[in-house]
Protein backbone atom coordinates (compact mmCIF):
# COMPACT_ATOMS: atom_id res chain seq x y z
CA MET A 1 -14.43 5.03 4.38
CA TYR A 2 -12.70 1.66 4.52
CA GLU A 3 -14.19 0.31 7.75
CA GLN A 4 -16.63 -2.08 6.04
CA VAL A 5 -13.79 -3.50 3.94
CA PHE A 6 -11.62 -3.98 7.03
CA GLU A 7 -14.50 -5.73 8.81
CA LYS A 8 -14.74 -8.23 5.94
CA LEU A 9 -10.96 -8.66 5.67
CA ASN A 10 -10.65 -9.26 9.42
CA LYS A 11 -13.01 -12.24 9.09
CA SER A 12 -10.62 -13.89 6.62
CA LYS A 13 -8.14 -16.18 8.37
CA PHE A 14 -5.68 -15.69 5.49
CA ARG A 15 -5.94 -11.88 5.24
CA SER A 16 -5.93 -11.25 8.98
CA ARG A 17 -2.66 -13.13 9.53
CA PHE A 18 -0.60 -10.44 7.80
CA LYS A 19 1.23 -8.07 10.16
CA LEU A 20 4.12 -5.69 9.70
CA THR A 21 7.42 -6.93 11.07
CA GLN A 22 9.81 -4.76 13.06
CA LYS A 23 11.96 -4.58 9.92
CA ASP A 24 8.92 -3.21 8.00
CA ARG A 25 8.26 -0.66 10.75
CA ASP A 26 11.91 0.43 10.75
CA TYR A 27 11.79 0.83 6.98
CA ILE A 28 8.66 2.99 7.26
CA ASN A 29 10.28 5.11 9.98
CA THR A 30 13.41 5.56 7.88
CA LYS A 31 11.64 6.37 4.60
CA GLY A 32 8.56 8.18 5.92
CA LEU A 33 4.91 7.60 5.07
CA GLU A 34 4.94 9.84 1.99
CA THR A 35 7.68 7.74 0.41
CA ILE A 36 5.82 4.55 1.32
CA LYS A 37 2.69 6.01 -0.30
CA GLN A 38 4.68 6.76 -3.46
CA HIS A 39 5.91 3.15 -3.46
CA ALA A 40 2.29 1.96 -3.12
CA LYS A 41 1.18 4.17 -6.01
CA ASP A 42 4.03 2.88 -8.16
CA PHE A 43 3.41 -0.79 -7.31
CA VAL A 44 -0.33 -0.46 -7.99
CA ARG A 45 0.24 1.45 -11.25
CA ARG A 46 2.88 -0.92 -12.62
CA ARG A 47 1.89 -4.31 -11.16
CA ILE A 48 -1.88 -4.15 -10.60
CA ALA A 49 -3.53 -1.50 -12.81
CA PRO A 50 -2.79 -2.82 -16.33
CA ALA A 51 -5.58 -4.71 -18.08
CA GLU A 52 -3.27 -7.62 -18.84
CA ILE A 53 -0.65 -8.74 -16.34
CA GLU A 54 1.73 -11.45 -17.48
CA ASN A 55 2.22 -13.06 -14.07
CA ASP A 56 -1.08 -12.12 -12.45
CA GLY A 57 -1.48 -13.89 -9.14
CA LYS A 58 2.28 -14.01 -8.61
CA GLN A 59 3.30 -10.37 -9.09
CA THR A 60 3.23 -9.37 -5.42
CA PRO A 61 5.81 -10.90 -3.07
CA MET A 62 4.57 -11.91 0.38
CA LYS A 63 7.29 -9.98 2.24
CA ASN A 64 10.34 -7.69 2.00
CA HIS A 65 8.39 -4.44 1.68
CA PRO A 66 5.60 -3.10 3.90
CA VAL A 67 3.44 -2.32 0.86
CA PHE A 68 3.65 -5.94 -0.32
CA VAL A 69 2.45 -7.13 3.09
CA ALA A 70 -0.33 -4.55 3.05
CA GLN A 71 -1.39 -5.58 -0.45
CA HIS A 72 -1.95 -9.15 0.73
CA ALA A 73 -3.66 -8.03 3.94
CA THR A 74 -6.07 -5.83 1.97
CA ALA A 75 -6.61 -8.18 -1.01
CA CYS A 76 -4.92 -5.71 -3.37
CA CYS A 77 -2.26 -8.19 -4.45
CA CYS A 78 -3.61 -9.42 -7.81
CA ARG A 79 -6.53 -8.81 -10.09
CA GLY A 80 -8.30 -11.99 -8.98
CA CYS A 81 -8.30 -10.90 -5.34
CA ILE A 82 -9.23 -7.35 -6.30
CA LYS A 83 -12.23 -8.62 -8.29
CA LYS A 84 -13.33 -10.92 -5.47
CA TRP A 85 -12.91 -8.43 -2.61
CA HIS A 86 -13.35 -5.02 -4.26
CA GLY A 87 -15.42 -5.74 -7.37
CA PHE A 88 -13.03 -4.24 -9.93
CA GLU A 89 -13.17 -6.31 -13.11
CA ALA A 90 -10.07 -8.13 -14.27
CA GLY A 91 -8.90 -7.67 -17.86
CA VAL A 92 -9.68 -3.93 -17.76
CA GLN A 93 -7.23 -1.13 -16.98
CA LEU A 94 -7.93 0.24 -13.50
CA THR A 95 -9.10 3.85 -13.49
CA ASP A 96 -7.22 6.54 -11.60
CA GLU A 97 -10.03 6.53 -9.03
CA GLN A 98 -9.77 2.76 -8.55
CA GLN A 99 -6.01 3.02 -8.15
CA GLU A 100 -6.44 5.82 -5.58
CA TYR A 101 -8.95 3.65 -3.68
CA LEU A 102 -6.49 0.73 -3.53
CA VAL A 103 -3.56 2.94 -2.49
CA GLY A 104 -5.75 4.58 0.16
CA LEU A 105 -6.76 1.17 1.50
CA ILE A 106 -3.15 -0.01 1.59
CA MET A 107 -2.03 3.14 3.40
CA GLU A 108 -4.91 2.97 5.88
CA TRP A 109 -3.90 -0.61 6.73
CA ILE A 110 -0.27 0.47 7.18
CA ASN A 111 -1.32 3.39 9.39
CA LYS A 112 -3.38 1.03 11.56
CA GLN A 113 -0.39 -1.30 11.88
CA ILE A 114 2.07 1.36 13.00
CA LYS A 115 -0.15 2.86 15.71
């Protein structure tokens, strides 16, 4: 489902430089993928999905959680990147389906990284 998106992202020098660190991998192993998925859902719902985001473009740290790294790698880090890469309009609340798509993409990237 996401292969075409990954092909495009892999061509981006910026997006393709993101990789999980050993610390990220250890965190995933400790918490489990279901917990990581819940974190992704929560981050997307609270930081990405609202129509208006006070600090849009700066709301996703570049490190210190595997989901944050994955958000940058998959262009799910701010509404500007999401509009550019995924076509979801900024200034409009993301639908449940759009949020599920982003979380699925984030988790697929994480799964590819840990294999």
